[in-house]
Amino acid sequence: MNKFFISTDLTSDFPDSLKEDDFGIINMSYFMDNVLYDGVNTPYLSPKKFFEKLRGGSLSQTSMVTSDQVIAFFRPALEKGMDVLHLSFASVLSGNYNSCIAAQKKLAQEFPKRKIIIMDTFSAGMGLGLLSYYTLRARAQGKSIDECAKYADELKNNIVHLFTVDDMFHLYRGGRVSKGAAILGSVIQLKPVLYQDIDGYLKVLSKTIGKKPALRYMLDKMIQKIKGYDNEVVFIGHGDAYDEAAWLAKKITEKTGITNIVLNNVGPVIGTHVGAGLISLFFVGCDRS
């Protein structure tokens, strides 16, 4: 069986502590305060610095990956004789998937003996990261690239994505809520709980007044949805809001007994669209609705 390479992109916010050999993350760029940060020529700001700038009124704008970037990223693995399985950010939220498909077509001509699988995961943030984690585990257990692709394609429907935000104006800028809703939400401290559905779209699940009620709502939803499902790990993402993320993790352990909970700052790409104070929760459950 050929060795194969697994990859995803920066929107996965994949924890550094869980990275493995023959696994890679495609860099993405963002523009902030007249500086283009690409993670190569200009290193990314630290999460704390990035969110400090957002809180101070700076605006960030992201750009999708180009097919040339994808080609350059995949080529070293292909040249080593490895096949490639790429888990892509939801196509309805970004053009990354289309760039990967374009790169796949070009590379297939250059490396006709290599298999390149591009999967639209309909996932985002650490939900994509969690799917990547389980796919890496499947590879470690000896599954082939086709078996891992089939496994990930089925599992993606059960990676539940829940999140809440502090500042609804970031959702407004991304076209997720109206300007009126953003203004009203700011005045009355409305904290929406959103989810990512099975097709990759972001939808409002509930609206609460205050952050703690929103986190409790997410916890209650998790308790409902995990019945009958094993969760060897749970991911919590946060936008420079560690204390709130740690509070949610503690409550999850108390209510479910799950102790392996990974907390991670979200990166600049996801952070651009949700703002500081985000709390996101990802786990395996009965469905993503």
C-alpha atoms as a PDB file:
ATOM      1  CA  MET A   1       0.000   0.000   0.000  1.00  0.00           C
ATOM      2  CA  ASN A   2       1.363   3.416  -0.985  1.00  0.00           C
ATOM      3  CA  LYS A   3       2.102   5.939   1.715  1.00  0.00           C
ATOM      4  CA  PHE A   4      -0.168   8.921   1.364  1.00  0.00           C
ATOM      5  CA  PHE A   5      -0.247  12.524   2.464  1.00  0.00           C
ATOM      6  CA  ILE A   6      -3.210  14.087   4.288  1.00  0.00           C
ATOM      7  CA  SER A   7      -3.750  17.825   4.257  1.00  0.00           C
ATOM      8  CA  THR A   8      -6.209  20.565   5.087  1.00  0.00           C
ATOM      9  CA  ASP A   9      -6.047  24.362   5.154  1.00  0.00           C
ATOM     10  CA  LEU A  10      -5.504  27.089   7.718  1.00  0.00           C
ATOM     11  CA  THR A  11      -9.228  27.457   8.457  1.00  0.00           C
ATOM     12  CA  SER A  12      -9.047  24.133  10.332  1.00  0.00           C
ATOM     13  CA  ASP A  13      -7.202  25.797  13.240  1.00  0.00           C
ATOM     14  CA  PHE A  14      -5.583  22.404  13.742  1.00  0.00           C
ATOM     15  CA  PRO A  15      -3.816  22.151  17.132  1.00  0.00           C
ATOM     16  CA  ASP A  16      -0.024  22.067  16.852  1.00  0.00           C
ATOM     17  CA  SER A  17       0.170  19.354  19.511  1.00  0.00           C
ATOM     18  CA  LEU A  18      -1.752  16.903  17.306  1.00  0.00           C
ATOM     19  CA  LYS A  19       0.163  17.326  14.052  1.00  0.00           C
ATOM     20  CA  GLU A  20       1.757  14.214  12.530  1.00  0.00           C
ATOM     21  CA  ASP A  21       4.249  13.291   9.834  1.00  0.00           C
ATOM     22  CA  ASP A  22       2.954  13.291   6.250  1.00  0.00           C
ATOM     23  CA  PHE A  23       0.341  15.862   7.179  1.00  0.00           C
ATOM     24  CA  GLY A  24       0.250  19.477   6.078  1.00  0.00           C
ATOM     25  CA  ILE A  25      -1.757  22.686   6.275  1.00  0.00           C
ATOM     26  CA  ILE A  26      -2.053  25.101   3.345  1.00  0.00           C
ATOM     27  CA  ASN A  27      -1.327  28.680   4.364  1.00  0.00           C
ATOM     28  CA  MET A  28      -3.865  31.409   3.689  1.00  0.00           C
ATOM     29  CA  SER A  29      -3.397  35.179   3.661  1.00  0.00           C
ATOM     30  CA  TYR A  30      -5.087  38.083   5.390  1.00  0.00           C
ATOM     31  CA  PHE A  31      -4.749  41.832   5.020  1.00  0.00           C
ATOM     32  CA  MET A  32      -4.765  44.057   8.090  1.00  0.00           C
ATOM     33  CA  ASP A  33      -3.607  47.655   8.692  1.00  0.00           C
ATOM     34  CA  ASN A  34      -2.073  47.836   5.197  1.00  0.00           C
ATOM     35  CA  VAL A  35       0.008  44.691   5.780  1.00  0.00           C
ATOM     36  CA  LEU A  36      -0.435  41.393   3.927  1.00  0.00           C
ATOM     37  CA  TYR A  37       0.239  38.454   6.235  1.00  0.00           C
ATOM     38  CA  ASP A  38       0.882  35.249   4.308  1.00  0.00           C
ATOM     39  CA  GLY A  39       2.618  33.174   6.974  1.00  0.00           C
ATOM     40  CA  VAL A  40       5.751  32.917   4.828  1.00  0.00           C
ATOM     41  CA  ASN A  41       7.156  36.282   3.809  1.00  0.00           C
ATOM     42  CA  THR A  42       5.242  38.004   6.612  1.00  0.00           C
ATOM     43  CA  PRO A  43       4.643  35.812   9.691  1.00  0.00           C
ATOM     44  CA  TYR A  44       1.133  35.743  11.099  1.00  0.00           C
ATOM     45  CA  LEU A  45       0.388  37.888  14.111  1.00  0.00           C
ATOM     46  CA  SER A  46       0.036  35.949  17.356  1.00  0.00           C
ATOM     47  CA  PRO A  47      -3.612  35.212  18.186  1.00  0.00           C
ATOM     48  CA  LYS A  48      -3.486  37.622  21.130  1.00  0.00           C
ATOM     49  CA  LYS A  49      -2.066  40.447  19.004  1.00  0.00           C
ATOM     50  CA  PHE A  50      -4.490  39.745  16.172  1.00  0.00           C
ATOM     51  CA  PHE A  51      -7.546  39.890  18.428  1.00  0.00           C
ATOM     52  CA  GLU A  52      -6.208  42.944  20.256  1.00  0.00           C
ATOM     53  CA  LYS A  53      -6.159  44.721  16.898  1.00  0.00           C
ATOM     54  CA  LEU A  54      -9.710  43.609  16.121  1.00  0.00           C
ATOM     55  CA  ARG A  55     -10.883  44.852  19.509  1.00  0.00           C
ATOM     56  CA  GLY A  56      -9.109  48.139  18.802  1.00  0.00           C
ATOM     57  CA  GLY A  57     -11.060  48.671  15.592  1.00  0.00           C
ATOM     58  CA  SER A  58      -8.704  47.237  12.961  1.00  0.00           C
ATOM     59  CA  LEU A  59     -10.360  45.358  10.125  1.00  0.00           C
ATOM     60  CA  SER A  60      -9.032  42.173   8.557  1.00  0.00           C
ATOM     61  CA  GLN A  61      -9.747  40.797   5.108  1.00  0.00           C
ATOM     62  CA  THR A  62      -8.920  37.274   3.963  1.00  0.00           C
ATOM     63  CA  SER A  63      -8.113  35.882   0.537  1.00  0.00           C
ATOM     64  CA  MET A  64      -8.647  32.393  -0.801  1.00  0.00           C
ATOM     65  CA  VAL A  65      -5.871  30.032  -1.792  1.00  0.00           C
ATOM     66  CA  THR A  66      -4.900  30.087  -5.478  1.00  0.00           C
ATOM     67  CA  SER A  67      -4.474  26.968  -7.603  1.00  0.00           C
ATOM     68  CA  ASP A  68      -0.770  27.808  -7.993  1.00  0.00           C
ATOM     69  CA  GLN A  69      -0.376  27.803  -4.211  1.00  0.00           C
ATOM     70  CA  VAL A  70      -2.082  24.425  -4.007  1.00  0.00           C
ATOM     71  CA  ILE A  71       0.118  22.998  -6.752  1.00  0.00           C
ATOM     72  CA  ALA A  72       3.261  24.179  -4.960  1.00  0.00           C
ATOM     73  CA  PHE A  73       1.967  22.707  -1.713  1.00  0.00           C
ATOM     74  CA  PHE A  74       1.052  19.259  -3.114  1.00  0.00           C
ATOM     75  CA  ARG A  75       4.045  18.807  -5.434  1.00  0.00           C
ATOM     76  CA  PRO A  76       6.683  17.772  -2.819  1.00  0.00           C
ATOM     77  CA  ALA A  77       4.508  14.885  -1.608  1.00  0.00           C
ATOM     78  CA  LEU A  78       3.718  13.778  -5.169  1.00  0.00           C
ATOM     79  CA  GLU A  79       7.397  13.901  -6.108  1.00  0.00           C
ATOM     80  CA  LYS A  80       8.089  11.518  -3.220  1.00  0.00           C
ATOM     81  CA  GLY A  81       5.665   9.056  -4.780  1.00  0.00           C
ATOM     82  CA  MET A  82       2.863   9.726  -2.289  1.00  0.00           C
ATOM     83  CA  ASP A  83      -0.843  10.020  -3.010  1.00  0.00           C
ATOM     84  CA  VAL A  84      -2.736  12.990  -1.531  1.00  0.00           C
ATOM     85  CA  LEU A  85      -6.008  13.273   0.401  1.00  0.00           C
ATOM     86  CA  HIS A  86      -7.015  16.890   0.977  1.00  0.00           C
ATOM     87  CA  LEU A  87      -9.840  17.878   3.333  1.00  0.00           C
ATOM     88  CA  SER A  88     -11.089  21.243   2.122  1.00  0.00           C
ATOM     89  CA  PHE A  89     -12.926  24.104   3.803  1.00  0.00           C
ATOM     90  CA  ALA A  90     -16.646  24.223   2.947  1.00  0.00           C
ATOM     91  CA  SER A  91     -17.079  25.253  -0.698  1.00  0.00           C
ATOM     92  CA  VAL A  92     -20.151  27.387   0.068  1.00  0.00           C
ATOM     93  CA  LEU A  93     -18.005  29.643   2.284  1.00  0.00           C
ATOM     94  CA  SER A  94     -14.860  29.950   0.186  1.00  0.00           C
ATOM     95  CA  GLY A  95     -13.326  29.371  -3.242  1.00  0.00           C
ATOM     96  CA  ASN A  96     -10.562  27.211  -1.739  1.00  0.00           C
ATOM     97  CA  TYR A  97     -12.219  23.986  -2.843  1.00  0.00           C
ATOM     98  CA  ASN A  98     -12.425  25.144  -6.476  1.00  0.00           C
ATOM     99  CA  SER A  99      -8.754  26.168  -6.377  1.00  0.00           C
ATOM    100  CA  CYS A 100      -7.877  22.685  -5.139  1.00  0.00           C
ATOM    101  CA  ILE A 101      -9.910  21.049  -7.903  1.00  0.00           C
ATOM    102  CA  ALA A 102      -8.144  23.211 -10.517  1.00  0.00           C
ATOM    103  CA  ALA A 103      -4.776  22.208  -9.045  1.00  0.00           C
ATOM    104  CA  GLN A 104      -5.793  18.551  -9.009  1.00  0.00           C
ATOM    105  CA  LYS A 105      -6.544  18.622 -12.743  1.00  0.00           C
ATOM    106  CA  LYS A 106      -3.174  20.141 -13.589  1.00  0.00           C
ATOM    107  CA  LEU A 107      -1.206  17.854 -11.294  1.00  0.00           C
ATOM    108  CA  ALA A 108      -2.991  14.760 -12.628  1.00  0.00           C
ATOM    109  CA  GLN A 109      -1.351  15.418 -15.990  1.00  0.00           C
ATOM    110  CA  GLU A 110       2.070  15.855 -14.399  1.00  0.00           C
ATOM    111  CA  PHE A 111       1.726  12.874 -12.035  1.00  0.00           C
ATOM    112  CA  PRO A 112      -0.587  10.415 -13.842  1.00  0.00           C
ATOM    113  CA  LYS A 113       0.293   7.528 -11.509  1.00  0.00           C
ATOM    114  CA  ARG A 114      -0.583   9.426  -8.357  1.00  0.00           C
ATOM    115  CA  LYS A 115      -4.012   9.629  -6.750  1.00  0.00           C
ATOM    116  CA  ILE A 116      -5.185  13.071  -5.623  1.00  0.00           C
ATOM    117  CA  ILE A 117      -8.480  13.190  -3.729  1.00  0.00           C
ATOM    118  CA  ILE A 118     -10.041  16.569  -2.923  1.00  0.00           C
ATOM    119  CA  MET A 119     -12.966  16.441  -0.497  1.00  0.00           C
ATOM    120  CA  ASP A 120     -15.460  19.200   0.166  1.00  0.00           C
ATOM    121  CA  THR A 121     -15.984  18.611   3.880  1.00  0.00           C
ATOM    122  CA  PHE A 122     -18.816  21.147   4.291  1.00  0.00           C
ATOM    123  CA  SER A 123     -16.935  21.991   7.484  1.00  0.00           C
ATOM    124  CA  ALA A 124     -15.075  24.954   8.948  1.00  0.00           C
ATOM    125  CA  GLY A 125     -12.906  25.968  11.868  1.00  0.00           C
ATOM    126  CA  MET A 126     -11.971  23.290  14.359  1.00  0.00           C
ATOM    127  CA  GLY A 127     -14.823  21.180  12.989  1.00  0.00           C
ATOM    128  CA  LEU A 128     -12.606  20.723   9.938  1.00  0.00           C
ATOM    129  CA  GLY A 129      -9.738  20.211  12.356  1.00  0.00           C
ATOM    130  CA  LEU A 130     -11.624  17.484  14.217  1.00  0.00           C
ATOM    131  CA  LEU A 131     -12.472  15.717  10.958  1.00  0.00           C
ATOM    132  CA  SER A 132      -8.783  15.902  10.017  1.00  0.00           C
ATOM    133  CA  TYR A 133      -7.813  14.458  13.407  1.00  0.00           C
ATOM    134  CA  TYR A 134     -10.067  11.421  13.019  1.00  0.00           C
ATOM    135  CA  THR A 135      -8.892  10.882   9.435  1.00  0.00           C
ATOM    136  CA  LEU A 136      -5.277  10.879  10.629  1.00  0.00           C
ATOM    137  CA  ARG A 137      -6.273   8.308  13.252  1.00  0.00           C
ATOM    138  CA  ALA A 138      -7.829   6.142  10.537  1.00  0.00           C
ATOM    139  CA  ARG A 139      -4.609   6.284   8.517  1.00  0.00           C
ATOM    140  CA  ALA A 140      -2.587   5.334  11.611  1.00  0.00           C
ATOM    141  CA  GLN A 141      -4.835   2.285  11.994  1.00  0.00           C
ATOM    142  CA  GLY A 142      -3.769   1.112   8.531  1.00  0.00           C
ATOM    143  CA  LYS A 143      -6.638   2.297   6.350  1.00  0.00           C
ATOM    144  CA  SER A 144      -5.834   3.038   2.700  1.00  0.00           C
ATOM    145  CA  ILE A 145      -6.344   6.426   1.096  1.00  0.00           C
ATOM    146  CA  ASP A 146      -9.661   5.279  -0.389  1.00  0.00           C
ATOM    147  CA  GLU A 147     -10.796   3.893   2.954  1.00  0.00           C
ATOM    148  CA  CYS A 148      -9.805   7.115   4.729  1.00  0.00           C
ATOM    149  CA  ALA A 149     -11.624   9.204   2.126  1.00  0.00           C
ATOM    150  CA  LYS A 150     -14.780   7.095   2.528  1.00  0.00           C
ATOM    151  CA  TYR A 151     -14.498   7.272   6.317  1.00  0.00           C
ATOM    152  CA  ALA A 152     -14.083  11.082   6.300  1.00  0.00           C
ATOM    153  CA  ASP A 153     -16.934  11.510   3.816  1.00  0.00           C
ATOM    154  CA  GLU A 154     -19.286   9.644   6.151  1.00  0.00           C
ATOM    155  CA  LEU A 155     -17.986  11.143   9.409  1.00  0.00           C
ATOM    156  CA  LYS A 156     -18.298  14.752   8.210  1.00  0.00           C
ATOM    157  CA  ASN A 157     -22.085  14.455   8.550  1.00  0.00           C
ATOM    158  CA  ASN A 158     -21.682  13.829  12.278  1.00  0.00           C
ATOM    159  CA  ILE A 159     -19.135  16.491  13.213  1.00  0.00           C
ATOM    160  CA  VAL A 160     -21.369  18.961  15.052  1.00  0.00           C
ATOM    161  CA  HIS A 161     -20.372  22.653  14.787  1.00  0.00           C
ATOM    162  CA  LEU A 162     -21.747  25.081  17.415  1.00  0.00           C
ATOM    163  CA  PHE A 163     -20.507  28.585  18.136  1.00  0.00           C
ATOM    164  CA  THR A 164     -21.380  31.941  19.628  1.00  0.00           C
ATOM    165  CA  VAL A 165     -19.846  35.380  19.112  1.00  0.00           C
ATOM    166  CA  ASP A 166     -19.395  38.584  21.100  1.00  0.00           C
ATOM    167  CA  ASP A 167     -19.622  41.065  18.239  1.00  0.00           C
ATOM    168  CA  MET A 168     -22.352  40.480  15.661  1.00  0.00           C
ATOM    169  CA  PHE A 169     -20.878  43.111  13.335  1.00  0.00           C
ATOM    170  CA  HIS A 170     -18.355  40.556  12.110  1.00  0.00           C
ATOM    171  CA  LEU A 171     -21.262  38.313  11.111  1.00  0.00           C
ATOM    172  CA  TYR A 172     -22.902  41.293   9.421  1.00  0.00           C
ATOM    173  CA  ARG A 173     -19.751  42.016   7.393  1.00  0.00           C
ATOM    174  CA  GLY A 174     -19.790  38.398   6.252  1.00  0.00           C
ATOM    175  CA  GLY A 175     -23.438  38.590   5.238  1.00  0.00           C
ATOM    176  CA  ARG A 176     -24.630  36.271   8.023  1.00  0.00           C
ATOM    177  CA  VAL A 177     -26.950  38.734   9.783  1.00  0.00           C
ATOM    178  CA  SER A 178     -28.572  42.061   8.878  1.00  0.00           C
ATOM    179  CA  LYS A 179     -27.139  45.404   9.966  1.00  0.00           C
ATOM    180  CA  GLY A 180     -30.219  46.027  12.076  1.00  0.00           C
ATOM    181  CA  ALA A 181     -29.759  42.714  13.881  1.00  0.00           C
ATOM    182  CA  ALA A 182     -26.094  43.505  14.506  1.00  0.00           C
ATOM    183  CA  ILE A 183     -26.933  46.925  15.992  1.00  0.00           C
ATOM    184  CA  LEU A 184     -29.741  45.539  18.155  1.00  0.00           C
ATOM    185  CA  GLY A 185     -27.585  42.616  19.265  1.00  0.00           C
ATOM    186  CA  SER A 186     -24.846  45.002  20.358  1.00  0.00           C
ATOM    187  CA  VAL A 187     -27.255  47.154  22.372  1.00  0.00           C
ATOM    188  CA  ILE A 188     -28.981  44.322  24.246  1.00  0.00           C
ATOM    189  CA  GLN A 189     -25.976  41.955  24.442  1.00  0.00           C
ATOM    190  CA  LEU A 190     -27.669  39.382  22.221  1.00  0.00           C
ATOM    191  CA  LYS A 191     -25.494  36.315  21.781  1.00  0.00           C
ATOM    192  CA  PRO A 192     -26.641  34.106  18.911  1.00  0.00           C
ATOM    193  CA  VAL A 193     -25.785  30.414  18.901  1.00  0.00           C
ATOM    194  CA  LEU A 194     -25.070  29.301  15.343  1.00  0.00           C
ATOM    195  CA  TYR A 195     -24.353  25.982  13.698  1.00  0.00           C
ATOM    196  CA  GLN A 196     -22.972  24.812  10.378  1.00  0.00           C
ATOM    197  CA  ASP A 197     -25.445  22.588   8.596  1.00  0.00           C
ATOM    198  CA  ILE A 198     -24.797  19.477   6.558  1.00  0.00           C
ATOM    199  CA  ASP A 199     -24.331  21.558   3.377  1.00  0.00           C
ATOM    200  CA  GLY A 200     -21.829  23.914   5.004  1.00  0.00           C
ATOM    201  CA  TYR A 201     -24.084  26.917   5.550  1.00  0.00           C
ATOM    202  CA  LEU A 202     -24.041  28.890   8.808  1.00  0.00           C
ATOM    203  CA  LYS A 203     -27.448  29.183  10.462  1.00  0.00           C
ATOM    204  CA  VAL A 204     -28.795  30.664  13.674  1.00  0.00           C
ATOM    205  CA  LEU A 205     -29.921  28.037  16.167  1.00  0.00           C
ATOM    206  CA  SER A 206     -30.841  30.200  19.134  1.00  0.00           C
ATOM    207  CA  LYS A 207     -30.588  33.753  20.486  1.00  0.00           C
ATOM    208  CA  THR A 208     -29.744  34.357  24.127  1.00  0.00           C
ATOM    209  CA  ILE A 209     -29.107  37.426  26.250  1.00  0.00           C
ATOM    210  CA  GLY A 210     -25.596  37.142  27.663  1.00  0.00           C
ATOM    211  CA  LYS A 211     -22.635  34.861  27.010  1.00  0.00           C
ATOM    212  CA  LYS A 212     -23.075  32.288  29.790  1.00  0.00           C
ATOM    213  CA  PRO A 213     -26.635  31.387  28.701  1.00  0.00           C
ATOM    214  CA  ALA A 214     -25.290  30.872  25.158  1.00  0.00           C
ATOM    215  CA  LEU A 215     -22.568  28.548  26.434  1.00  0.00           C
ATOM    216  CA  ARG A 216     -25.078  26.624  28.548  1.00  0.00           C
ATOM    217  CA  TYR A 217     -27.310  26.240  25.497  1.00  0.00           C
ATOM    218  CA  MET A 218     -24.359  24.795  23.535  1.00  0.00           C
ATOM    219  CA  LEU A 219     -23.625  22.404  26.396  1.00  0.00           C
ATOM    220  CA  ASP A 220     -27.244  21.227  26.515  1.00  0.00           C
ATOM    221  CA  LYS A 221     -27.249  20.637  22.755  1.00  0.00           C
ATOM    222  CA  MET A 222     -24.054  18.608  23.047  1.00  0.00           C
ATOM    223  CA  ILE A 223     -25.522  16.426  25.802  1.00  0.00           C
ATOM    224  CA  GLN A 224     -28.536  15.713  23.573  1.00  0.00           C
ATOM    225  CA  LYS A 225     -26.527  14.920  20.463  1.00  0.00           C
ATOM    226  CA  ILE A 226     -23.701  12.716  21.800  1.00  0.00           C
ATOM    227  CA  LYS A 227     -25.956   9.936  23.077  1.00  0.00           C
ATOM    228  CA  GLY A 228     -24.797   6.718  21.468  1.00  0.00           C
ATOM    229  CA  TYR A 229     -21.635   8.272  20.011  1.00  0.00           C
ATOM    230  CA  ASP A 230     -18.037   7.927  21.183  1.00  0.00           C
ATOM    231  CA  ASN A 231     -16.036  11.124  21.577  1.00  0.00           C
ATOM    232  CA  GLU A 232     -12.423  10.347  22.286  1.00  0.00           C
ATOM    233  CA  VAL A 233     -11.705  14.074  22.004  1.00  0.00           C
ATOM    234  CA  VAL A 234     -13.713  17.305  21.916  1.00  0.00           C
ATOM    235  CA  PHE A 235     -12.436  20.535  20.367  1.00  0.00           C
ATOM    236  CA  ILE A 236     -13.193  24.022  21.683  1.00  0.00           C
ATOM    237  CA  GLY A 237     -12.029  27.052  19.708  1.00  0.00           C
ATOM    238  CA  HIS A 238     -11.884  30.549  21.154  1.00  0.00           C
ATOM    239  CA  GLY A 239     -11.062  34.049  19.994  1.00  0.00           C
ATOM    240  CA  ASP A 240      -8.726  35.091  22.812  1.00  0.00           C
ATOM    241  CA  ALA A 241     -11.364  34.020  25.350  1.00  0.00           C
ATOM    242  CA  TYR A 242      -9.554  31.246  27.203  1.00  0.00           C
ATOM    243  CA  ASP A 243     -11.371  31.608  30.524  1.00  0.00           C
ATOM    244  CA  GLU A 244     -14.784  31.153  28.912  1.00  0.00           C
ATOM    245  CA  ALA A 245     -13.521  28.205  26.857  1.00  0.00           C
ATOM    246  CA  ALA A 246     -12.064  26.618  30.011  1.00  0.00           C
ATOM    247  CA  TRP A 247     -15.385  27.129  31.829  1.00  0.00           C
ATOM    248  CA  LEU A 248     -17.231  25.319  29.027  1.00  0.00           C
ATOM    249  CA  ALA A 249     -14.656  22.503  29.041  1.00  0.00           C
ATOM    250  CA  LYS A 250     -15.088  22.052  32.798  1.00  0.00           C
ATOM    251  CA  LYS A 251     -18.868  21.866  32.454  1.00  0.00           C
ATOM    252  CA  ILE A 252     -18.580  19.313  29.633  1.00  0.00           C
ATOM    253  CA  THR A 253     -16.410  17.084  31.828  1.00  0.00           C
ATOM    254  CA  GLU A 254     -18.838  17.417  34.737  1.00  0.00           C
ATOM    255  CA  LYS A 255     -21.873  16.575  32.594  1.00  0.00           C
ATOM    256  CA  THR A 256     -20.466  13.947  30.231  1.00  0.00           C
ATOM    257  CA  GLY A 257     -17.310  12.557  31.811  1.00  0.00           C
ATOM    258  CA  ILE A 258     -15.268  13.490  28.719  1.00  0.00           C
ATOM    259  CA  THR A 259     -11.843  14.670  29.866  1.00  0.00           C
ATOM    260  CA  ASN A 260      -9.900  14.850  26.609  1.00  0.00           C
ATOM    261  CA  ILE A 261     -10.894  18.366  25.545  1.00  0.00           C
ATOM    262  CA  VAL A 262      -8.550  20.421  23.369  1.00  0.00           C
ATOM    263  CA  LEU A 263      -8.747  24.205  23.662  1.00  0.00           C
ATOM    264  CA  ASN A 264      -7.194  26.259  20.887  1.00  0.00           C
ATOM    265  CA  ASN A 265      -7.161  29.900  19.784  1.00  0.00           C
ATOM    266  CA  VAL A 266      -8.817  30.304  16.395  1.00  0.00           C
ATOM    267  CA  GLY A 267      -6.544  31.632  13.688  1.00  0.00           C
ATOM    268  CA  PRO A 268      -6.748  34.837  11.668  1.00  0.00           C
ATOM    269  CA  VAL A 269      -8.897  33.477   8.837  1.00  0.00           C
ATOM    270  CA  ILE A 270     -11.739  32.278  11.031  1.00  0.00           C
ATOM    271  CA  GLY A 271     -11.075  35.127  13.444  1.00  0.00           C
ATOM    272  CA  THR A 272     -11.627  37.702  10.715  1.00  0.00           C
ATOM    273  CA  HIS A 273     -15.204  36.539  10.225  1.00  0.00           C
ATOM    274  CA  VAL A 274     -16.252  35.941  13.833  1.00  0.00           C
ATOM    275  CA  GLY A 275     -14.215  38.440  15.868  1.00  0.00           C
ATOM    276  CA  ALA A 276     -12.717  38.337  19.339  1.00  0.00           C
ATOM    277  CA  GLY A 277     -14.647  36.475  22.015  1.00  0.00           C
ATOM    278  CA  LEU A 278     -15.786  33.601  19.802  1.00  0.00           C
ATOM    279  CA  ILE A 279     -16.455  30.286  21.543  1.00  0.00           C
ATOM    280  CA  SER A 280     -16.917  27.283  19.251  1.00  0.00           C
ATOM    281  CA  LEU A 281     -17.623  23.658  20.164  1.00  0.00           C
ATOM    282  CA  PHE A 282     -17.043  20.576  18.013  1.00  0.00           C
ATOM    283  CA  PHE A 283     -17.849  16.928  18.695  1.00  0.00           C
ATOM    284  CA  VAL A 284     -19.268  13.773  17.101  1.00  0.00           C
ATOM    285  CA  GLY A 285     -23.034  13.553  17.425  1.00  0.00           C
ATOM    286  CA  CYS A 286     -26.217  12.222  15.891  1.00  0.00           C
ATOM    287  CA  ASP A 287     -26.384  14.888  13.155  1.00  0.00           C
ATOM    288  CA  ARG A 288     -25.392  18.449  12.271  1.00  0.00           C
ATOM    289  CA  SER A 289     -28.898  19.921  12.126  1.00  0.00           C
END
